[in-house]
C-alpha atoms as a PDB file:
ATOM      1  CA  MET A   1       0.000   0.000   0.000  1.00  0.00           C
ATOM      2  CA  ILE A   2       1.405   3.371  -1.004  1.00  0.00           C
ATOM      3  CA  ALA A   3      -1.548   5.692  -0.289  1.00  0.00           C
ATOM      4  CA  SER A   4      -5.030   5.741   1.231  1.00  0.00           C
ATOM      5  CA  TYR A   5      -8.028   8.061   1.068  1.00  0.00           C
ATOM      6  CA  ASP A   6     -11.594   7.572   2.385  1.00  0.00           C
ATOM      7  CA  GLY A   7     -10.713   3.966   3.156  1.00  0.00           C
ATOM      8  CA  ILE A   8      -9.759   3.366  -0.492  1.00  0.00           C
ATOM      9  CA  ALA A   9      -6.159   2.165  -0.708  1.00  0.00           C
ATOM     10  CA  LEU A  10      -3.710   2.444  -3.585  1.00  0.00           C
ATOM     11  CA  PHE A  11      -1.449  -0.565  -4.061  1.00  0.00           C
ATOM     12  CA  ILE A  12       1.537  -1.229  -6.308  1.00  0.00           C
ATOM     13  CA  ASP A  13       2.754  -4.502  -7.791  1.00  0.00           C
ATOM     14  CA  LEU A  14       6.251  -5.081  -6.410  1.00  0.00           C
ATOM     15  CA  ILE A  15       7.133  -7.282  -9.399  1.00  0.00           C
ATOM     16  CA  ASP A  16       6.009  -4.754 -12.015  1.00  0.00           C
ATOM     17  CA  ILE A  17       5.856  -1.245 -10.565  1.00  0.00           C
ATOM     18  CA  THR A  18       4.015   0.085 -13.630  1.00  0.00           C
ATOM     19  CA  ILE A  19       0.916  -1.723 -12.306  1.00  0.00           C
ATOM     20  CA  LEU A  20      -1.316  -0.068  -9.693  1.00  0.00           C
ATOM     21  CA  TYR A  21      -4.470  -1.299  -7.963  1.00  0.00           C
ATOM     22  CA  VAL A  22      -7.202   0.497  -6.033  1.00  0.00           C
ATOM     23  CA  MET A  23      -8.960  -1.517  -3.362  1.00  0.00           C
ATOM     24  CA  ASN A  24     -11.282  -1.246  -0.392  1.00  0.00           C
ATOM     25  CA  PRO A  25      -9.819  -3.832   2.030  1.00  0.00           C
ATOM     26  CA  VAL A  26     -13.150  -4.115   3.872  1.00  0.00           C
ATOM     27  CA  THR A  27     -15.483  -4.765   0.919  1.00  0.00           C
ATOM     28  CA  MET A  28     -12.694  -6.389  -1.153  1.00  0.00           C
ATOM     29  CA  GLU A  29     -13.658  -4.244  -4.131  1.00  0.00           C
ATOM     30  CA  LYS A  30     -10.527  -4.198  -6.305  1.00  0.00           C
ATOM     31  CA  THR A  31      -9.591  -2.736  -9.693  1.00  0.00           C
ATOM     32  CA  ARG A  32      -6.350  -2.918 -11.645  1.00  0.00           C
ATOM     33  CA  LEU A  33      -5.529   0.414 -13.269  1.00  0.00           C
ATOM     34  CA  PRO A  34      -4.073   0.772 -16.791  1.00  0.00           C
ATOM     35  CA  SER A  35      -0.307   0.333 -16.755  1.00  0.00           C
ATOM     36  CA  LEU A  36       1.858   3.412 -16.403  1.00  0.00           C
ATOM     37  CA  ASP A  37       3.521   3.616 -19.809  1.00  0.00           C
ATOM     38  CA  GLU A  38       5.441   6.763 -18.919  1.00  0.00           C
ATOM     39  CA  PRO A  39       7.989   7.170 -17.651  1.00  0.00           C
ATOM     40  CA  PRO A  40       9.801   3.908 -18.459  1.00  0.00           C
ATOM     41  CA  ASN A  41      10.721   3.488 -14.781  1.00  0.00           C
ATOM     42  CA  PRO A  42       7.997   5.042 -12.596  1.00  0.00           C
ATOM     43  CA  MET A  43       8.642   5.305  -8.863  1.00  0.00           C
ATOM     44  CA  TYR A  44       6.025   3.949  -6.501  1.00  0.00           C
ATOM     45  CA  TYR A  45       6.297   6.852  -4.033  1.00  0.00           C
ATOM     46  CA  CYS A  46       5.189   9.390  -6.675  1.00  0.00           C
ATOM     47  CA  SER A  47       1.538   8.260  -6.705  1.00  0.00           C
ATOM     48  CA  CYS A  48      -1.503   9.422  -4.747  1.00  0.00           C
ATOM     49  CA  ILE A  49      -5.258   8.804  -4.589  1.00  0.00           C
ATOM     50  CA  ALA A  50      -7.755  11.629  -3.977  1.00  0.00           C
ATOM     51  CA  ARG A  51     -11.428  12.564  -4.293  1.00  0.00           C
ATOM     52  CA  GLY A  52     -12.730  15.753  -5.884  1.00  0.00           C
ATOM     53  CA  ARG A  53     -14.729  18.086  -3.642  1.00  0.00           C
ATOM     54  CA  SER A  54     -17.535  18.790  -6.104  1.00  0.00           C
ATOM     55  CA  THR A  55     -17.340  15.947  -8.630  1.00  0.00           C
ATOM     56  CA  ARG A  56     -16.865  13.328  -5.845  1.00  0.00           C
ATOM     57  CA  GLN A  57     -14.830  11.318  -8.356  1.00  0.00           C
ATOM     58  CA  TYR A  58     -11.765   9.386  -7.229  1.00  0.00           C
ATOM     59  CA  LYS A  59      -8.557  10.034  -9.110  1.00  0.00           C
ATOM     60  CA  VAL A  60      -5.043   8.639  -9.024  1.00  0.00           C
ATOM     61  CA  VAL A  61      -2.260  11.120  -9.768  1.00  0.00           C
ATOM     62  CA  HIS A  62       1.335  10.233 -10.588  1.00  0.00           C
ATOM     63  CA  SER A  63       4.312  12.566 -11.069  1.00  0.00           C
ATOM     64  CA  TYR A  64       7.383  11.582 -13.041  1.00  0.00           C
ATOM     65  CA  GLU A  65      10.527  12.832 -14.739  1.00  0.00           C
ATOM     66  CA  ASP A  66      10.954  12.391 -18.511  1.00  0.00           C
ATOM     67  CA  PHE A  67      14.135  11.807 -20.517  1.00  0.00           C
ATOM     68  CA  SER A  68      14.668  15.581 -20.705  1.00  0.00           C
ATOM     69  CA  ARG A  69      14.657  15.709 -16.873  1.00  0.00           C
ATOM     70  CA  GLU A  70      11.400  17.652 -16.897  1.00  0.00           C
ATOM     71  CA  PHE A  71       8.614  16.849 -14.409  1.00  0.00           C
ATOM     72  CA  HIS A  72       5.044  16.033 -15.460  1.00  0.00           C
ATOM     73  CA  TRP A  73       1.782  14.869 -13.921  1.00  0.00           C
ATOM     74  CA  VAL A  74      -0.532  12.151 -15.232  1.00  0.00           C
ATOM     75  CA  VAL A  75      -4.070  11.564 -13.934  1.00  0.00           C
ATOM     76  CA  LEU A  76      -6.604   8.755 -14.159  1.00  0.00           C
ATOM     77  CA  THR A  77     -10.246   9.093 -13.061  1.00  0.00           C
ATOM     78  CA  ILE A  78     -11.210   5.708 -11.613  1.00  0.00           C
ATOM     79  CA  GLY A  79     -14.095   4.062 -13.458  1.00  0.00           C
ATOM     80  CA  ILE A  80     -14.094   6.645 -16.261  1.00  0.00           C
ATOM     81  CA  ASP A  81     -10.658   6.905 -17.887  1.00  0.00           C
ATOM     82  CA  ASN A  82      -9.220   3.977 -19.813  1.00  0.00           C
ATOM     83  CA  SER A  83      -5.758   5.535 -19.947  1.00  0.00           C
ATOM     84  CA  TRP A  84      -3.614   8.066 -18.121  1.00  0.00           C
ATOM     85  CA  ARG A  85      -3.920  11.735 -19.073  1.00  0.00           C
ATOM     86  CA  ARG A  86      -1.013  14.188 -18.851  1.00  0.00           C
ATOM     87  CA  ILE A  87      -2.060  17.514 -17.336  1.00  0.00           C
ATOM     88  CA  SER A  88      -0.526  20.914 -17.923  1.00  0.00           C
ATOM     89  CA  SER A  89       1.102  22.588 -14.927  1.00  0.00           C
ATOM     90  CA  GLY A  90       1.284  26.003 -16.638  1.00  0.00           C
ATOM     91  CA  GLN A  91       4.998  26.071 -15.801  1.00  0.00           C
ATOM     92  CA  THR A  92       8.009  23.914 -16.590  1.00  0.00           C
ATOM     93  CA  PHE A  93       9.749  22.212 -13.687  1.00  0.00           C
ATOM     94  CA  MET A  94      13.163  20.651 -14.199  1.00  0.00           C
ATOM     95  CA  ARG A  95      15.347  18.338 -12.157  1.00  0.00           C
ATOM     96  CA  GLY A  96      17.330  20.608  -9.838  1.00  0.00           C
ATOM     97  CA  ASP A  97      14.295  22.872  -9.453  1.00  0.00           C
ATOM     98  CA  MET A  98      12.178  20.420  -7.485  1.00  0.00           C
ATOM     99  CA  GLU A  99      11.432  16.884  -6.372  1.00  0.00           C
ATOM    100  CA  LEU A 100       8.004  15.281  -6.685  1.00  0.00           C
ATOM    101  CA  ASP A 101       8.851  11.840  -5.427  1.00  0.00           C
ATOM    102  CA  ASN A 102       8.119  11.651  -1.712  1.00  0.00           C
ATOM    103  CA  PHE A 103       4.550  10.449  -1.088  1.00  0.00           C
ATOM    104  CA  PRO A 104       2.296  13.423  -1.960  1.00  0.00           C
ATOM    105  CA  ILE A 105      -0.459  14.239   0.554  1.00  0.00           C
ATOM    106  CA  SER A 106      -4.164  14.169  -0.321  1.00  0.00           C
ATOM    107  CA  VAL A 107      -6.508  16.287   1.813  1.00  0.00           C
ATOM    108  CA  GLY A 108     -10.003  17.603   1.102  1.00  0.00           C
ATOM    109  CA  GLY A 109      -9.875  17.473  -2.688  1.00  0.00           C
ATOM    110  CA  VAL A 110      -6.324  18.832  -2.934  1.00  0.00           C
ATOM    111  CA  ILE A 111      -3.019  17.010  -3.452  1.00  0.00           C
ATOM    112  CA  TYR A 112       0.076  18.644  -1.954  1.00  0.00           C
ATOM    113  CA  TRP A 113       3.710  18.094  -2.964  1.00  0.00           C
ATOM    114  CA  THR A 114       5.474  19.367   0.140  1.00  0.00           C
ATOM    115  CA  ASP A 115       8.897  17.814  -0.346  1.00  0.00           C
ATOM    116  CA  TYR A 116      10.382  20.836  -2.102  1.00  0.00           C
ATOM    117  CA  ASP A 117      10.003  24.560  -1.430  1.00  0.00           C
ATOM    118  CA  PHE A 118      10.338  27.409  -3.915  1.00  0.00           C
ATOM    119  CA  GLU A 119      11.178  31.005  -3.054  1.00  0.00           C
ATOM    120  CA  GLU A 120       9.843  33.904  -5.096  1.00  0.00           C
ATOM    121  CA  GLU A 121      11.459  37.309  -5.551  1.00  0.00           C
ATOM    122  CA  ASP A 122       9.287  38.796  -2.802  1.00  0.00           C
ATOM    123  CA  GLY A 123      10.626  36.236  -0.346  1.00  0.00           C
ATOM    124  CA  ILE A 124       7.468  34.095  -0.148  1.00  0.00           C
ATOM    125  CA  VAL A 125       8.321  30.404   0.148  1.00  0.00           C
ATOM    126  CA  TYR A 126       5.775  27.963  -1.247  1.00  0.00           C
ATOM    127  CA  PHE A 127       5.135  24.380  -2.345  1.00  0.00           C
ATOM    128  CA  LEU A 128       2.820  22.986  -5.034  1.00  0.00           C
ATOM    129  CA  ALA A 129      -0.774  21.768  -4.838  1.00  0.00           C
ATOM    130  CA  MET A 130      -3.293  20.407  -7.334  1.00  0.00           C
ATOM    131  CA  ASP A 131      -7.056  20.946  -7.262  1.00  0.00           C
ATOM    132  CA  VAL A 132      -8.401  17.451  -7.879  1.00  0.00           C
ATOM    133  CA  ASP A 133     -11.617  18.700  -9.525  1.00  0.00           C
ATOM    134  CA  ASP A 134     -10.134  20.854 -12.302  1.00  0.00           C
ATOM    135  CA  GLU A 135      -6.573  19.441 -12.177  1.00  0.00           C
ATOM    136  CA  THR A 136      -4.908  22.840 -11.942  1.00  0.00           C
ATOM    137  CA  ILE A 137      -1.577  23.439 -10.172  1.00  0.00           C
ATOM    138  CA  HIS A 138      -1.314  26.176  -7.517  1.00  0.00           C
ATOM    139  CA  LYS A 139       1.285  27.634  -5.164  1.00  0.00           C
ATOM    140  CA  VAL A 140       0.753  27.379  -1.389  1.00  0.00           C
ATOM    141  CA  PRO A 141       2.935  29.447   0.985  1.00  0.00           C
ATOM    142  CA  ILE A 142       4.519  27.604   3.914  1.00  0.00           C
ATOM    143  CA  PRO A 143       3.347  28.412   7.484  1.00  0.00           C
ATOM    144  CA  PRO A 144       4.439  31.829   8.853  1.00  0.00           C
ATOM    145  CA  SER A 145       6.775  30.353  11.444  1.00  0.00           C
ATOM    146  CA  GLY A 146       9.696  32.766  11.281  1.00  0.00           C
ATOM    147  CA  SER A 147      13.128  31.542  10.272  1.00  0.00           C
ATOM    148  CA  ILE A 148      12.456  27.815  10.861  1.00  0.00           C
ATOM    149  CA  GLU A 149      10.743  25.998   8.010  1.00  0.00           C
ATOM    150  CA  PRO A 150       8.334  23.118   8.732  1.00  0.00           C
ATOM    151  CA  SER A 151       9.967  19.703   8.933  1.00  0.00           C
ATOM    152  CA  ALA A 152       6.904  17.686   7.956  1.00  0.00           C
ATOM    153  CA  TYR A 153       3.369  17.957   6.594  1.00  0.00           C
ATOM    154  CA  MET A 154       0.489  15.546   7.203  1.00  0.00           C
ATOM    155  CA  LYS A 155      -3.275  15.189   6.819  1.00  0.00           C
ATOM    156  CA  MET A 156      -5.083  16.373   9.952  1.00  0.00           C
ATOM    157  CA  GLY A 157      -8.830  15.922   9.613  1.00  0.00           C
ATOM    158  CA  ASN A 158      -9.938  17.950   6.601  1.00  0.00           C
ATOM    159  CA  TYR A 159      -6.803  20.089   6.618  1.00  0.00           C
ATOM    160  CA  LEU A 160      -3.098  19.905   5.892  1.00  0.00           C
ATOM    161  CA  SER A 161      -0.961  20.267   9.005  1.00  0.00           C
ATOM    162  CA  GLY A 162       2.612  21.571   9.101  1.00  0.00           C
ATOM    163  CA  PHE A 163       5.152  20.817  11.839  1.00  0.00           C
ATOM    164  CA  VAL A 164       7.750  23.365  12.882  1.00  0.00           C
ATOM    165  CA  THR A 165      10.320  21.533  14.988  1.00  0.00           C
ATOM    166  CA  ALA A 166      12.796  22.851  17.524  1.00  0.00           C
ATOM    167  CA  PRO A 167      16.399  21.813  16.747  1.00  0.00           C
ATOM    168  CA  LEU A 168      16.666  19.806  19.987  1.00  0.00           C
ATOM    169  CA  GLY A 169      14.008  17.702  21.661  1.00  0.00           C
ATOM    170  CA  LEU A 170      10.502  16.733  20.598  1.00  0.00           C
ATOM    171  CA  GLN A 171       9.133  20.268  20.514  1.00  0.00           C
ATOM    172  CA  PHE A 172       6.597  21.195  17.844  1.00  0.00           C
ATOM    173  CA  GLU A 173       4.533  24.116  16.684  1.00  0.00           C
ATOM    174  CA  ILE A 174       1.701  22.680  14.612  1.00  0.00           C
ATOM    175  CA  TYR A 175      -0.197  24.723  12.025  1.00  0.00           C
ATOM    176  CA  VAL A 176      -3.203  23.820   9.879  1.00  0.00           C
ATOM    177  CA  LEU A 177      -3.917  25.200   6.428  1.00  0.00           C
ATOM    178  CA  LYS A 178      -7.408  26.727   6.846  1.00  0.00           C
ATOM    179  CA  ASP A 179      -7.624  28.195   3.327  1.00  0.00           C
ATOM    180  CA  TRP A 180      -5.254  26.652   0.823  1.00  0.00           C
ATOM    181  CA  LEU A 181      -6.060  29.061  -2.020  1.00  0.00           C
ATOM    182  CA  ARG A 182      -5.343  32.099   0.176  1.00  0.00           C
ATOM    183  CA  GLY A 183      -2.499  30.430   2.011  1.00  0.00           C
ATOM    184  CA  GLU A 184      -4.023  31.026   5.458  1.00  0.00           C
ATOM    185  CA  TRP A 185      -2.499  28.987   8.315  1.00  0.00           C
ATOM    186  CA  ASP A 186      -3.568  28.801  11.982  1.00  0.00           C
ATOM    187  CA  LYS A 187      -1.424  27.550  14.853  1.00  0.00           C
ATOM    188  CA  VAL A 188      -3.308  24.830  16.723  1.00  0.00           C
ATOM    189  CA  TYR A 189      -0.747  23.213  19.044  1.00  0.00           C
ATOM    190  CA  GLU A 190       2.521  23.829  20.825  1.00  0.00           C
ATOM    191  CA  ILE A 191       3.672  20.515  22.258  1.00  0.00           C
ATOM    192  CA  ASN A 192       6.757  19.189  24.002  1.00  0.00           C
ATOM    193  CA  ILE A 193       7.083  15.400  24.121  1.00  0.00           C
ATOM    194  CA  ASP A 194       9.336  13.584  26.548  1.00  0.00           C
ATOM    195  CA  ALA A 195      11.806  11.805  24.300  1.00  0.00           C
ATOM    196  CA  PRO A 196      12.442   8.088  24.965  1.00  0.00           C
ATOM    197  CA  ARG A 197      15.924   7.254  26.107  1.00  0.00           C
ATOM    198  CA  GLY A 198      18.478   6.944  23.316  1.00  0.00           C
ATOM    199  CA  LEU A 199      16.330   8.683  20.688  1.00  0.00           C
ATOM    200  CA  TYR A 200      18.441  10.586  18.152  1.00  0.00           C
ATOM    201  CA  PHE A 201      16.027  11.071  15.220  1.00  0.00           C
ATOM    202  CA  TYR A 202      12.245  11.326  14.918  1.00  0.00           C
ATOM    203  CA  PHE A 203       9.646  12.098  12.277  1.00  0.00           C
ATOM    204  CA  PRO A 204       5.833  12.574  12.432  1.00  0.00           C
ATOM    205  CA  ILE A 205       3.837   9.928  10.544  1.00  0.00           C
ATOM    206  CA  GLY A 206       0.162  10.747  11.024  1.00  0.00           C
ATOM    207  CA  TRP A 207      -2.827  11.660  13.185  1.00  0.00           C
ATOM    208  CA  LEU A 208      -5.244   9.132  14.691  1.00  0.00           C
ATOM    209  CA  ASN A 209      -8.254   9.206  17.066  1.00  0.00           C
ATOM    210  CA  ASP A 210      -9.895  12.373  15.731  1.00  0.00           C
ATOM    211  CA  ASP A 211      -6.544  14.163  15.511  1.00  0.00           C
ATOM    212  CA  GLU A 212      -5.793  13.756  19.199  1.00  0.00           C
ATOM    213  CA  MET A 213      -3.114  11.077  18.775  1.00  0.00           C
ATOM    214  CA  LEU A 214       0.128  11.920  16.983  1.00  0.00           C
ATOM    215  CA  VAL A 215       2.158   8.956  15.719  1.00  0.00           C
ATOM    216  CA  LEU A 216       5.909   9.415  15.221  1.00  0.00           C
ATOM    217  CA  GLU A 217       8.758   7.234  14.016  1.00  0.00           C
ATOM    218  CA  GLY A 218      12.044   7.404  15.894  1.00  0.00           C
ATOM    219  CA  LEU A 219      15.531   5.978  15.626  1.00  0.00           C
ATOM    220  CA  THR A 220      17.566   4.727  18.563  1.00  0.00           C
ATOM    221  CA  MET A 221      20.843   2.843  18.780  1.00  0.00           C
ATOM    222  CA  GLU A 222      18.775  -0.337  19.226  1.00  0.00           C
ATOM    223  CA  GLY A 223      16.667   0.287  16.095  1.00  0.00           C
ATOM    224  CA  ASP A 224      13.363   1.857  15.004  1.00  0.00           C
ATOM    225  CA  ILE A 225      10.592   2.708  17.439  1.00  0.00           C
ATOM    226  CA  TYR A 226       7.126   4.150  16.933  1.00  0.00           C
ATOM    227  CA  MET A 227       5.527   6.526  19.401  1.00  0.00           C
ATOM    228  CA  ALA A 228       1.899   7.535  19.929  1.00  0.00           C
ATOM    229  CA  TYR A 229       1.490  10.874  21.698  1.00  0.00           C
ATOM    230  CA  ASP A 230      -1.884  11.906  23.164  1.00  0.00           C
ATOM    231  CA  VAL A 231      -2.026  15.702  22.809  1.00  0.00           C
ATOM    232  CA  LYS A 232      -4.878  16.018  25.339  1.00  0.00           C
ATOM    233  CA  LYS A 233      -3.392  13.840  28.072  1.00  0.00           C
ATOM    234  CA  ASN A 234       0.256  14.657  27.322  1.00  0.00           C
ATOM    235  CA  GLU A 235       1.085  10.947  27.357  1.00  0.00           C
ATOM    236  CA  THR A 236       3.491   9.016  25.140  1.00  0.00           C
ATOM    237  CA  HIS A 237       3.241   5.314  24.352  1.00  0.00           C
ATOM    238  CA  VAL A 238       5.878   3.294  22.485  1.00  0.00           C
ATOM    239  CA  LEU A 239       4.427   0.953  19.853  1.00  0.00           C
ATOM    240  CA  ASP A 240       5.951  -2.424  19.043  1.00  0.00           C
ATOM    241  CA  LEU A 241       6.195  -2.713  15.269  1.00  0.00           C
ATOM    242  CA  SER A 242       9.181  -5.042  15.248  1.00  0.00           C
ATOM    243  CA  ILE A 243       7.255  -7.401  12.959  1.00  0.00           C
ATOM    244  CA  CYS A 244       7.634  -4.903  10.100  1.00  0.00           C
ATOM    245  CA  GLY A 245      10.423  -5.538   7.602  1.00  0.00           C
ATOM    246  CA  PRO A 246      13.012  -3.134   6.184  1.00  0.00           C
ATOM    247  CA  ARG A 247      10.741  -2.118   3.260  1.00  0.00           C
ATOM    248  CA  PHE A 248       7.944  -1.066   5.579  1.00  0.00           C
ATOM    249  CA  TYR A 249       6.383   2.392   5.072  1.00  0.00           C
ATOM    250  CA  SER A 250       3.750   3.844   7.367  1.00  0.00           C
ATOM    251  CA  HIS A 251       0.475   5.262   6.052  1.00  0.00           C
ATOM    252  CA  VAL A 252      -2.655   6.271   7.939  1.00  0.00           C
ATOM    253  CA  HIS A 253      -5.658   4.211   6.802  1.00  0.00           C
ATOM    254  CA  THR A 254      -9.268   4.213   8.065  1.00  0.00           C
ATOM    255  CA  ASN A 255     -11.606   1.343   7.189  1.00  0.00           C
ATOM    256  CA  THR A 256     -14.863   2.359   5.462  1.00  0.00           C
ATOM    257  CA  LEU A 257     -17.542   0.887   3.228  1.00  0.00           C
ATOM    258  CA  VAL A 258     -16.971   3.528   0.550  1.00  0.00           C
ATOM    259  CA  SER A 259     -17.037   2.471  -3.095  1.00  0.00           C
ATOM    260  CA  TYR A 260     -14.844   4.310  -5.600  1.00  0.00           C
ATOM    261  CA  ARG A 261     -17.194   3.293  -8.411  1.00  0.00           C
ATOM    262  CA  MET A 262     -20.018   5.621  -7.315  1.00  0.00           C
ATOM    263  CA  PRO A 263     -19.491   9.430  -7.090  1.00  0.00           C
END
């Protein structure tokens, strides 16, 4: 599984990574999507599933780099399109300008590529977003957090959340993007988590339990750990995920009875 939205999961074939599937693991509804014929070597962490706000249609979006080292987007509307469609970004993006290959984030009918920031002449720093309904690309300014840029972005309810992290310790300022077209962010939390002994690296993974439980991945000298922090109770629990192998990636998934065949 490489992405999830509304309980609909996006899977990739590990033998042939040009093949993608959409599936509801509860109802076992499953569809194989048309093969990705471009680029010749697509990367699995460039794909995302999303639902349009007004059309209610589910779409899979994939970004890739062509032989000229230029980035493009292709889109497939599930149940309607028989092949992938390349969309126009209105601007050319080249290798060296950006990266689009680190698990884009789908929230409320918008897909965000937060892995690379641009800076305009007026000093505004932004990342890219796509409106799932009309498939247009927009610029979204990063949270107004002073000199420290956010270290991570994640889905938080119906909003995108950004984490501004103190250099030392598990200290976060957390913002949510209230209006993505206007670039309006609100600070919702300032939290300080007691770090487990031996922790030297950590990274937020996702929100659970109605956005009151923050899950983080951490590295210690003994190996990986996963932490669940309750923002209301100020309690941290260490999760045992030792069963997971080295190719394990964490994604937040919520079981539903939703069908992607019916808008």
